[in-house]
Amino acid sequence: QVQLMESGGGLVQPGGSLRLSCAASGLTFALNGGGWFRQAPGKEREFVGAMCWAGGSFFYAGSVQGRFIISKEGAEDMMYLQMNRLGPEDTAVYYCAALACPASIATMVVPANYDYWGQGTQVTVSS
């Protein structure tokens, strides 16, 4: 059974940083890739960024470009989202998802193209 689980969310002041983690079981990120989405209250799920490990293709939403970084360390089935210079507009539930790669940018940005999802972790940016 494939499971993804996010962790690392919480309350942070504007301008601060958080690092989210996504642990995969029953599935290896090593042969594939991953993406992050977020959903604020009353809004649709929004693409944040995605990356294919083999080939190194990646894409970030314009709203987070230069502030957020997706990474995968070593051979662990772990994916990370480093979030810097956070603002109130970044407040949302953040979800990780497994991506079948290779994938085009058009594929990466659509939630329906991801087969497996975590339950989400809340990120609140407030003073």
Protein backbone atom coordinates (compact mmCIF):
# COMPACT_ATOMS: atom_id res chain seq x y z
CA GLN A 1 0.00 0.00 0.00
CA VAL A 2 1.38 3.36 -1.03
CA GLN A 3 1.35 6.07 1.61
CA LEU A 4 2.70 9.60 1.71
CA MET A 5 2.92 11.61 4.91
CA GLU A 6 3.84 15.25 5.29
CA SER A 7 5.36 16.83 8.38
CA GLY A 8 7.02 20.05 9.41
CA GLY A 9 4.13 22.47 9.19
CA GLY A 10 3.36 25.01 11.85
CA LEU A 11 3.12 28.67 12.72
CA VAL A 12 5.84 31.00 11.47
CA GLN A 13 6.23 34.75 11.42
CA PRO A 14 6.32 36.65 8.14
CA GLY A 15 9.77 36.51 6.63
CA GLY A 16 10.54 33.22 8.32
CA SER A 17 11.30 29.78 6.93
CA LEU A 18 9.94 26.26 7.24
CA ARG A 19 11.02 22.94 5.84
CA LEU A 20 8.32 20.43 5.02
CA SER A 21 9.05 16.73 4.69
CA CYS A 22 7.21 14.06 2.77
CA ALA A 23 7.83 10.42 3.63
CA ALA A 24 6.86 7.73 1.16
CA SER A 25 6.20 4.09 1.93
CA GLY A 26 5.33 1.39 -0.57
CA LEU A 27 6.72 3.66 -3.29
CA THR A 28 10.15 4.93 -4.09
CA PHE A 29 10.75 8.47 -5.13
CA ALA A 30 14.07 7.32 -6.54
CA LEU A 31 12.58 6.23 -9.85
CA ASN A 32 10.04 8.96 -10.11
CA GLY A 33 9.48 12.45 -8.83
CA GLY A 34 7.28 14.47 -6.57
CA GLY A 35 5.23 17.59 -6.32
CA TRP A 36 3.85 19.97 -3.74
CA PHE A 37 0.47 21.64 -3.78
CA ARG A 38 -1.31 23.87 -1.30
CA GLN A 39 -4.87 24.77 -0.53
CA ALA A 40 -6.04 27.80 1.38
CA PRO A 41 -9.55 28.01 2.88
CA GLY A 42 -12.16 28.63 0.22
CA LYS A 43 -9.67 28.22 -2.62
CA GLU A 44 -8.79 25.49 -5.06
CA ARG A 45 -5.72 23.32 -4.66
CA GLU A 46 -2.78 25.26 -6.09
CA PHE A 47 0.41 23.95 -7.67
CA VAL A 48 3.57 24.92 -5.78
CA GLY A 49 6.36 23.00 -7.47
CA ALA A 50 7.45 19.63 -8.80
CA MET A 51 10.58 17.82 -9.75
CA CYS A 52 11.63 14.68 -11.63
CA TRP A 53 14.77 13.21 -10.10
CA ALA A 54 16.06 11.48 -13.21
CA GLY A 55 16.92 14.20 -15.67
CA GLY A 56 16.49 16.90 -13.05
CA SER A 57 13.51 18.61 -14.61
CA PHE A 58 11.67 20.92 -12.25
CA PHE A 59 9.11 23.68 -12.27
CA TYR A 60 7.85 26.12 -9.66
CA ALA A 61 4.81 28.33 -9.53
CA GLY A 62 5.62 31.97 -10.11
CA SER A 63 4.38 32.89 -6.65
CA VAL A 64 7.09 30.77 -4.98
CA GLN A 65 9.88 30.91 -7.55
CA GLY A 66 13.12 31.93 -5.85
CA ARG A 67 11.70 31.33 -2.36
CA PHE A 68 10.81 27.62 -2.29
CA ILE A 69 13.06 24.68 -3.15
CA ILE A 70 12.12 21.04 -3.64
CA SER A 71 14.77 18.47 -2.90
CA LYS A 72 15.36 14.82 -2.28
CA GLU A 73 18.32 13.70 -0.25
CA GLY A 74 20.29 10.57 -0.98
CA ALA A 75 18.46 7.31 -1.48
CA GLU A 76 15.83 8.01 1.14
CA ASP A 77 12.20 7.92 0.15
CA MET A 78 11.91 11.46 1.43
CA MET A 79 11.11 14.68 -0.36
CA TYR A 80 11.44 18.15 1.10
CA LEU A 81 10.06 21.60 0.49
CA GLN A 82 12.23 24.38 1.85
CA MET A 83 10.16 27.54 2.16
CA ASN A 84 11.88 30.87 2.69
CA ARG A 85 10.69 34.46 3.05
CA LEU A 86 7.22 33.29 3.92
CA GLY A 87 4.31 35.69 3.82
CA PRO A 88 0.67 35.53 4.95
CA GLU A 89 -0.29 34.58 1.39
CA ASP A 90 1.57 31.30 1.87
CA THR A 91 -0.82 30.20 4.60
CA ALA A 92 -2.44 26.94 3.48
CA VAL A 93 -2.52 23.21 3.91
CA TYR A 94 0.42 21.80 2.00
CA TYR A 95 0.23 18.44 0.27
CA CYS A 96 2.90 16.27 -1.28
CA ALA A 97 2.16 13.93 -4.13
CA ALA A 98 3.99 11.33 -6.19
CA LEU A 99 4.67 12.13 -9.81
CA ALA A 100 5.33 9.66 -12.58
CA CYS A 101 8.32 10.92 -14.53
CA PRO A 102 9.36 12.00 -17.03
CA ALA A 103 6.67 14.66 -16.98
CA SER A 104 6.11 17.86 -18.86
CA ILE A 105 5.37 21.13 -17.13
CA ALA A 106 1.79 20.85 -18.35
CA THR A 107 1.57 17.51 -16.57
CA MET A 108 3.24 18.69 -13.38
CA VAL A 109 0.81 21.51 -12.66
CA VAL A 110 -2.39 19.43 -12.80
CA PRO A 111 -3.40 17.67 -9.55
CA ALA A 112 -5.23 14.92 -11.42
CA ASN A 113 -1.91 13.75 -12.87
CA TYR A 114 -0.67 12.67 -9.45
CA ASP A 115 -1.64 9.21 -8.29
CA TYR A 116 -0.78 9.35 -4.60
CA TRP A 117 -1.26 12.10 -2.05
CA GLY A 118 -0.44 12.80 1.57
CA GLN A 119 -2.97 14.05 4.10
CA GLY A 120 -1.51 17.54 4.26
CA THR A 121 0.21 19.70 6.84
CA GLN A 122 -0.93 23.15 7.93
CA VAL A 123 1.35 26.12 7.40
CA THR A 124 0.28 29.39 9.00
CA VAL A 125 2.23 32.59 8.44
CA SER A 126 1.21 35.23 10.93
CA SER A 127 2.67 37.68 13.38
